[in-house]
Amino acid sequence: MGISPVQTLEVPDVCHRWLENRGTVYELLIDFLGNWPSLSMIAEWSRGSGISKAAECSKAGSDLMKYLCGRSPEELVRICEYEGAEYRRLLEQTKQRQAAESHYTQDGCAQDLAECYASAGVAFNKLHGEADDHIALELEFMTLLHDRMLNNTYCEHSMLQLMQVQEKFLEEHLLSWVPSLCKDLKGSTESPLYQALFSLLEEFLAQDLNMLKTWKQSREAVLVH
């Protein structure tokens, strides 16, 4: 899912690069945390410019870029074999280790999420039977809201509403459990790929909330004047 054009938006300079990079970073995280890292997926990200956008956001993104980019085909095959085994060990759904909100928070989040998705008119096509609170689906929800927000720039009120939904979702859902997930899984692997991804995930979500609030405040100020 590509990021929508942002050149028509009137935003503070500090927000421009965030808006340009944000959708791609979410897409990167969804790909690697929601799917087995196939050779074609690794090769596509290693060749494309998308991974450089993650490198702009954090040191973890730079580490990821150094690990994947500029590799020979033989090196990519070895990376795929090693990281594929790590994905199965770390992220395939089991009762012992789940990359899901309910595994880290009190019961009841599933109903909250179902209502949240429904109120936004979102219905996911769950190819692998993921639960509503799986990390990949929660990140995908943010991506959908991001695209809608950029496509609603003609309506300030709708755009602000979508900002508010994203801010609330980050605070009440993703940031309530993802730091614990990242701590657990970074402590369970020596994989360069997943060490970088979990660090990027944690750093990016905190930064994303801060930037979202900054942009929202700038838009609210426009309405006041």
Foldseek 3Di string as FASTA:
>chain_A
DAQDDDPPDDFPPVCPLCSRLVLLLLVVLLDPQVDQCDLVNLVVVQPDCNLVSLVVQDVLSVLQNVQRHPDDSVSSVVLSVVSSVVCCVADDDDPVHHQFQVVFDPPDVLVVLVVLCVVVVHDDDDPPPDRCGHPSNLSVVLSVLSRVLSVCSVPLVVNLVSLVSNLCSLVVHVVVGLVVSLVVSCVVDPRSNSVSSSVSSNSVSVVVNVSSVNRSVVSVVVVVD
